[in-house]
Amino acid sequence: ALCGWAPGDEVGVFELSAERPAPSQR
């Protein structure tokens, strides 16, 4: 949904930087 897309007049487009599990509960 986000990679390759830009929301406005930015110079570039979104790229994936990192993805990780996060601490969770319940």
PDB file of all heavy atoms in Angstrom:
ATOM      1  N   ALA A   1       0.823  -1.212   0.000  1.00  0.00           N
ATOM      2  CA  ALA A   1       0.000   0.000   0.000  1.00  0.00           C
ATOM      3  C   ALA A   1       0.856   1.261   0.000  1.00  0.00           C
ATOM      4  O   ALA A   1       0.459   2.288  -0.560  1.00  0.00           O
ATOM      5  CB  ALA A   1      -0.933   0.003   1.221  1.00  0.00           C
ATOM      6  N   LEU A   2       2.029   1.191   0.621  1.00  0.00           N
ATOM      7  CA  LEU A   2       2.848   2.397   0.771  1.00  0.00           C
ATOM      8  C   LEU A   2       4.091   2.439  -0.113  1.00  0.00           C
ATOM      9  O   LEU A   2       4.456   3.516  -0.598  1.00  0.00           O
ATOM     10  CB  LEU A   2       3.246   2.570   2.236  1.00  0.00           C
ATOM     11  CG  LEU A   2       2.081   2.772   3.214  1.00  0.00           C
ATOM     12  CD1 LEU A   2       2.612   2.978   4.627  1.00  0.00           C
ATOM     13  CD2 LEU A   2       1.185   3.921   2.791  1.00  0.00           C
ATOM     14  N   CYS A   3       4.749   1.323  -0.323  1.00  0.00           N
ATOM     15  CA  CYS A   3       5.990   1.332  -1.104  1.00  0.00           C
ATOM     16  C   CYS A   3       5.714   1.752  -2.552  1.00  0.00           C
ATOM     17  O   CYS A   3       4.778   1.267  -3.182  1.00  0.00           O
ATOM     18  CB  CYS A   3       6.655  -0.043  -1.084  1.00  0.00           C
ATOM     19  SG  CYS A   3       7.339  -0.446   0.537  1.00  0.00           S
ATOM     20  N   GLY A   4       6.523   2.695  -3.039  1.00  0.00           N
ATOM     21  CA  GLY A   4       6.365   3.205  -4.399  1.00  0.00           C
ATOM     22  C   GLY A   4       5.371   4.339  -4.523  1.00  0.00           C
ATOM     23  O   GLY A   4       5.157   4.875  -5.607  1.00  0.00           O
ATOM     24  N   TRP A   5       4.762   4.759  -3.419  1.00  0.00           N
ATOM     25  CA  TRP A   5       3.734   5.800  -3.407  1.00  0.00           C
ATOM     26  C   TRP A   5       4.231   7.002  -2.616  1.00  0.00           C
ATOM     27  O   TRP A   5       4.986   6.854  -1.656  1.00  0.00           O
ATOM     28  CB  TRP A   5       2.457   5.232  -2.769  1.00  0.00           C
ATOM     29  CG  TRP A   5       1.396   6.237  -2.472  1.00  0.00           C
ATOM     30  CD1 TRP A   5       0.514   6.800  -3.361  1.00  0.00           C
ATOM     31  CD2 TRP A   5       1.076   6.808  -1.194  1.00  0.00           C
ATOM     32  NE1 TRP A   5      -0.312   7.680  -2.704  1.00  0.00           N
ATOM     33  CE2 TRP A   5       0.012   7.703  -1.372  1.00  0.00           C
ATOM     34  CE3 TRP A   5       1.611   6.646   0.075  1.00  0.00           C
ATOM     35  CZ2 TRP A   5      -0.550   8.429  -0.335  1.00  0.00           C
ATOM     36  CZ3 TRP A   5       1.063   7.370   1.124  1.00  0.00           C
ATOM     37  CH2 TRP A   5      -0.008   8.244   0.918  1.00  0.00           C
ATOM     38  N   ALA A   6       3.818   8.187  -3.010  1.00  0.00           N
ATOM     39  CA  ALA A   6       4.128   9.409  -2.268  1.00  0.00           C
ATOM     40  C   ALA A   6       2.827  10.158  -1.982  1.00  0.00           C
ATOM     41  O   ALA A   6       1.959  10.249  -2.851  1.00  0.00           O
ATOM     42  CB  ALA A   6       5.063  10.307  -3.066  1.00  0.00           C
ATOM     43  N   PRO A   7       2.676  10.681  -0.773  1.00  0.00           N
ATOM     44  CA  PRO A   7       1.435  11.355  -0.417  1.00  0.00           C
ATOM     45  C   PRO A   7       1.306  12.781  -0.946  1.00  0.00           C
ATOM     46  O   PRO A   7       0.210  13.321  -0.970  1.00  0.00           O
ATOM     47  CB  PRO A   7       1.466  11.371   1.108  1.00  0.00           C
ATOM     48  CG  PRO A   7       2.903  11.316   1.453  1.00  0.00           C
ATOM     49  CD  PRO A   7       3.560  10.516   0.365  1.00  0.00           C
ATOM     50  N   GLY A   8       2.395  13.399  -1.364  1.00  0.00           N
ATOM     51  CA  GLY A   8       2.301  14.799  -1.777  1.00  0.00           C
ATOM     52  C   GLY A   8       3.397  15.160  -2.751  1.00  0.00           C
ATOM     53  O   GLY A   8       3.667  14.421  -3.694  1.00  0.00           O
ATOM     54  N   ASP A   9       4.050  16.261  -2.485  1.00  0.00           N
ATOM     55  CA  ASP A   9       5.070  16.755  -3.403  1.00  0.00           C
ATOM     56  C   ASP A   9       6.481  16.393  -2.949  1.00  0.00           C
ATOM     57  O   ASP A   9       7.444  17.084  -3.277  1.00  0.00           O
ATOM     58  CB  ASP A   9       4.939  18.265  -3.576  1.00  0.00           C
ATOM     59  CG  ASP A   9       5.109  19.023  -2.269  1.00  0.00           C
ATOM     60  OD1 ASP A   9       5.247  18.380  -1.202  1.00  0.00           O
ATOM     61  OD2 ASP A   9       5.113  20.266  -2.311  1.00  0.00           O
ATOM     62  N   GLU A  10       6.634  15.298  -2.230  1.00  0.00           N
ATOM     63  CA  GLU A  10       7.953  14.847  -1.806  1.00  0.00           C
ATOM     64  C   GLU A  10       8.793  14.514  -3.031  1.00  0.00           C
ATOM     65  O   GLU A  10       8.272  14.238  -4.106  1.00  0.00           O
ATOM     66  CB  GLU A  10       7.852  13.612  -0.893  1.00  0.00           C
ATOM     67  CG  GLU A  10       7.260  13.880   0.463  1.00  0.00           C
ATOM     68  CD  GLU A  10       5.744  14.000   0.452  1.00  0.00           C
ATOM     69  OE1 GLU A  10       5.108  13.647  -0.548  1.00  0.00           O
ATOM     70  OE2 GLU A  10       5.189  14.466   1.454  1.00  0.00           O
ATOM     71  N   VAL A  11      10.105  14.499  -2.842  1.00  0.00           N
ATOM     72  CA  VAL A  11      11.032  14.226  -3.928  1.00  0.00           C
ATOM     73  C   VAL A  11      10.962  12.754  -4.347  1.00  0.00           C
ATOM     74  O   VAL A  11      11.073  12.426  -5.527  1.00  0.00           O
ATOM     75  CB  VAL A  11      12.474  14.600  -3.507  1.00  0.00           C
ATOM     76  CG1 VAL A  11      13.483  14.161  -4.550  1.00  0.00           C
ATOM     77  CG2 VAL A  11      12.560  16.095  -3.265  1.00  0.00           C
ATOM     78  N   GLY A  12      10.772  11.850  -3.391  1.00  0.00           N
ATOM     79  CA  GLY A  12      10.788  10.421  -3.686  1.00  0.00           C
ATOM     80  C   GLY A  12       9.467   9.758  -3.362  1.00  0.00           C
ATOM     81  O   GLY A  12       8.427  10.399  -3.228  1.00  0.00           O
ATOM     82  N   VAL A  13       9.530   8.430  -3.236  1.00  0.00           N
ATOM     83  CA  VAL A  13       8.383   7.610  -2.868  1.00  0.00           C
ATOM     84  C   VAL A  13       8.762   6.792  -1.636  1.00  0.00           C
ATOM     85  O   VAL A  13       9.939   6.641  -1.313  1.00  0.00           O
ATOM     86  CB  VAL A  13       7.950   6.680  -4.025  1.00  0.00           C
ATOM     87  CG1 VAL A  13       7.430   7.480  -5.198  1.00  0.00           C
ATOM     88  CG2 VAL A  13       9.088   5.760  -4.451  1.00  0.00           C
ATOM     89  N   PHE A  14       7.763   6.247  -0.958  1.00  0.00           N
ATOM     90  CA  PHE A  14       8.042   5.435   0.227  1.00  0.00           C
ATOM     91  C   PHE A  14       8.789   4.157  -0.143  1.00  0.00           C
ATOM     92  O   PHE A  14       8.509   3.531  -1.172  1.00  0.00           O
ATOM     93  CB  PHE A  14       6.750   5.058   0.953  1.00  0.00           C
ATOM     94  CG  PHE A  14       6.259   6.123   1.873  1.00  0.00           C
ATOM     95  CD1 PHE A  14       5.075   6.785   1.620  1.00  0.00           C
ATOM     96  CD2 PHE A  14       6.980   6.470   3.019  1.00  0.00           C
ATOM     97  CE1 PHE A  14       4.614   7.768   2.471  1.00  0.00           C
ATOM     98  CE2 PHE A  14       6.532   7.459   3.867  1.00  0.00           C
ATOM     99  CZ  PHE A  14       5.345   8.111   3.602  1.00  0.00           C
ATOM    100  N   GLU A  15       9.728   3.804   0.735  1.00  0.00           N
ATOM    101  CA  GLU A  15      10.473   2.551   0.652  1.00  0.00           C
ATOM    102  C   GLU A  15      10.365   1.857   1.999  1.00  0.00           C
ATOM    103  O   GLU A  15      10.280   2.517   3.029  1.00  0.00           O
ATOM    104  CB  GLU A  15      11.959   2.834   0.381  1.00  0.00           C
ATOM    105  CG  GLU A  15      12.237   3.596  -0.877  1.00  0.00           C
ATOM    106  CD  GLU A  15      13.692   4.039  -0.971  1.00  0.00           C
ATOM    107  OE1 GLU A  15      14.459   3.843  -0.001  1.00  0.00           O
ATOM    108  OE2 GLU A  15      14.056   4.581  -2.016  1.00  0.00           O
ATOM    109  N   LEU A  16      10.397   0.536   1.988  1.00  0.00           N
ATOM    110  CA  LEU A  16      10.412  -0.220   3.235  1.00  0.00           C
ATOM    111  C   LEU A  16      11.778  -0.061   3.881  1.00  0.00           C
ATOM    112  O   LEU A  16      12.812  -0.225   3.228  1.00  0.00           O
ATOM    113  CB  LEU A  16      10.130  -1.698   2.959  1.00  0.00           C
ATOM    114  CG  LEU A  16      10.197  -2.629   4.168  1.00  0.00           C
ATOM    115  CD1 LEU A  16       9.087  -2.305   5.160  1.00  0.00           C
ATOM    116  CD2 LEU A  16      10.110  -4.081   3.712  1.00  0.00           C
ATOM    117  N   SER A  17      11.786   0.266   5.157  1.00  0.00           N
ATOM    118  CA  SER A  17      13.042   0.397   5.896  1.00  0.00           C
ATOM    119  C   SER A  17      13.270  -0.813   6.802  1.00  0.00           C
ATOM    120  O   SER A  17      14.350  -1.378   6.815  1.00  0.00           O
ATOM    121  CB  SER A  17      13.018   1.682   6.720  1.00  0.00           C
ATOM    122  OG  SER A  17      14.176   1.806   7.482  1.00  0.00           O
ATOM    123  N   ALA A  18      12.241  -1.206   7.554  1.00  0.00           N
ATOM    124  CA  ALA A  18      12.370  -2.348   8.469  1.00  0.00           C
ATOM    125  C   ALA A  18      10.984  -2.808   8.890  1.00  0.00           C
ATOM    126  O   ALA A  18      10.027  -2.036   8.872  1.00  0.00           O
ATOM    127  CB  ALA A  18      13.192  -1.960   9.696  1.00  0.00           C
ATOM    128  N   GLU A  19      10.905  -4.064   9.275  1.00  0.00           N
ATOM    129  CA  GLU A  19       9.673  -4.596   9.869  1.00  0.00           C
ATOM    130  C   GLU A  19      10.089  -5.601  10.922  1.00  0.00           C
ATOM    131  O   GLU A  19      10.971  -6.427  10.679  1.00  0.00           O
ATOM    132  CB  GLU A  19       8.805  -5.268   8.812  1.00  0.00           C
ATOM    133  CG  GLU A  19       7.465  -5.743   9.365  1.00  0.00           C
ATOM    134  CD  GLU A  19       6.550  -6.180   8.249  1.00  0.00           C
ATOM    135  OE1 GLU A  19       6.796  -7.270   7.691  1.00  0.00           O
ATOM    136  OE2 GLU A  19       5.613  -5.430   7.931  1.00  0.00           O
ATOM    137  N   ARG A  20       9.454  -5.504  12.079  1.00  0.00           N
ATOM    138  CA  ARG A  20       9.830  -6.405  13.167  1.00  0.00           C
ATOM    139  C   ARG A  20       8.636  -6.631  14.085  1.00  0.00           C
ATOM    140  O   ARG A  20       7.767  -5.772  14.208  1.00  0.00           O
ATOM    141  CB  ARG A  20      11.003  -5.829  13.943  1.00  0.00           C
ATOM    142  CG  ARG A  20      10.689  -4.557  14.673  1.00  0.00           C
ATOM    143  CD  ARG A  20      11.920  -3.918  15.321  1.00  0.00           C
ATOM    144  NE  ARG A  20      11.609  -2.644  15.919  1.00  0.00           N
ATOM    145  CZ  ARG A  20      11.432  -1.502  15.281  1.00  0.00           C
ATOM    146  NH1 ARG A  20      11.516  -1.473  13.980  1.00  0.00           N
ATOM    147  NH2 ARG A  20      11.159  -0.385  15.919  1.00  0.00           N
ATOM    148  N   PRO A  21       8.631  -7.776  14.755  1.00  0.00           N
ATOM    149  CA  PRO A  21       7.624  -7.971  15.798  1.00  0.00           C
ATOM    150  C   PRO A  21       7.924  -7.016  16.946  1.00  0.00           C
ATOM    151  O   PRO A  21       9.072  -6.634  17.177  1.00  0.00           O
ATOM    152  CB  PRO A  21       7.807  -9.419  16.232  1.00  0.00           C
ATOM    153  CG  PRO A  21       8.911  -9.982  15.435  1.00  0.00           C
ATOM    154  CD  PRO A  21       9.490  -8.930  14.573  1.00  0.00           C
ATOM    155  N   ALA A  22       6.896  -6.627  17.655  1.00  0.00           N
ATOM    156  CA  ALA A  22       7.046  -5.729  18.803  1.00  0.00           C
ATOM    157  C   ALA A  22       6.505  -6.439  20.034  1.00  0.00           C
ATOM    158  O   ALA A  22       5.671  -7.350  19.924  1.00  0.00           O
ATOM    159  CB  ALA A  22       6.290  -4.436  18.557  1.00  0.00           C
ATOM    160  N   PRO A  23       6.958  -6.034  21.206  1.00  0.00           N
ATOM    161  CA  PRO A  23       6.410  -6.642  22.426  1.00  0.00           C
ATOM    162  C   PRO A  23       4.887  -6.485  22.443  1.00  0.00           C
ATOM    163  O   PRO A  23       4.354  -5.458  22.053  1.00  0.00           O
ATOM    164  CB  PRO A  23       7.053  -5.826  23.549  1.00  0.00           C
ATOM    165  CG  PRO A  23       8.266  -5.226  22.941  1.00  0.00           C
ATOM    166  CD  PRO A  23       7.942  -5.007  21.485  1.00  0.00           C
ATOM    167  N   SER A  24       4.217  -7.524  22.876  1.00  0.00           N
ATOM    168  CA  SER A  24       2.755  -7.477  22.929  1.00  0.00           C
ATOM    169  C   SER A  24       2.275  -8.187  24.183  1.00  0.00           C
ATOM    170  O   SER A  24       3.035  -8.852  24.874  1.00  0.00           O
ATOM    171  CB  SER A  24       2.160  -8.108  21.675  1.00  0.00           C
ATOM    172  OG  SER A  24       2.628  -9.422  21.512  1.00  0.00           O
ATOM    173  N   GLN A  25       0.987  -8.036  24.440  1.00  0.00           N
ATOM    174  CA  GLN A  25       0.402  -8.617  25.642  1.00  0.00           C
ATOM    175  C   GLN A  25      -1.056  -8.969  25.393  1.00  0.00           C
ATOM    176  O   GLN A  25      -1.628  -8.589  24.380  1.00  0.00           O
ATOM    177  CB  GLN A  25       0.515  -7.625  26.799  1.00  0.00           C
ATOM    178  CG  GLN A  25      -0.156  -6.292  26.511  1.00  0.00           C
ATOM    179  CD  GLN A  25       0.021  -5.304  27.632  1.00  0.00           C
ATOM    180  OE1 GLN A  25       0.208  -5.689  28.765  1.00  0.00           O
ATOM    181  NE2 GLN A  25      -0.050  -4.027  27.321  1.00  0.00           N
ATOM    182  N   ARG A  26      -1.633  -9.693  26.294  1.00  0.00           N
ATOM    183  CA  ARG A  26      -3.061 -10.025  26.282  1.00  0.00           C
ATOM    184  C   ARG A  26      -3.547 -10.610  24.960  1.00  0.00           C
ATOM    185  O   ARG A  26      -4.577 -10.223  24.431  1.00  0.00           O
ATOM    186  CB  ARG A  26      -3.886  -8.792  26.642  1.00  0.00           C
ATOM    187  CG  ARG A  26      -3.566  -8.255  28.014  1.00  0.00           C
ATOM    188  CD  ARG A  26      -4.439  -7.079  28.355  1.00  0.00           C
ATOM    189  NE  ARG A  26      -3.847  -6.346  29.449  1.00  0.00           N
ATOM    190  CZ  ARG A  26      -4.062  -5.086  29.703  1.00  0.00           C
ATOM    191  NH1 ARG A  26      -4.886  -4.396  28.958  1.00  0.00           N
ATOM    192  NH2 ARG A  26      -3.475  -4.498  30.705  1.00  0.00           N
TER     193      ARG A  26
END
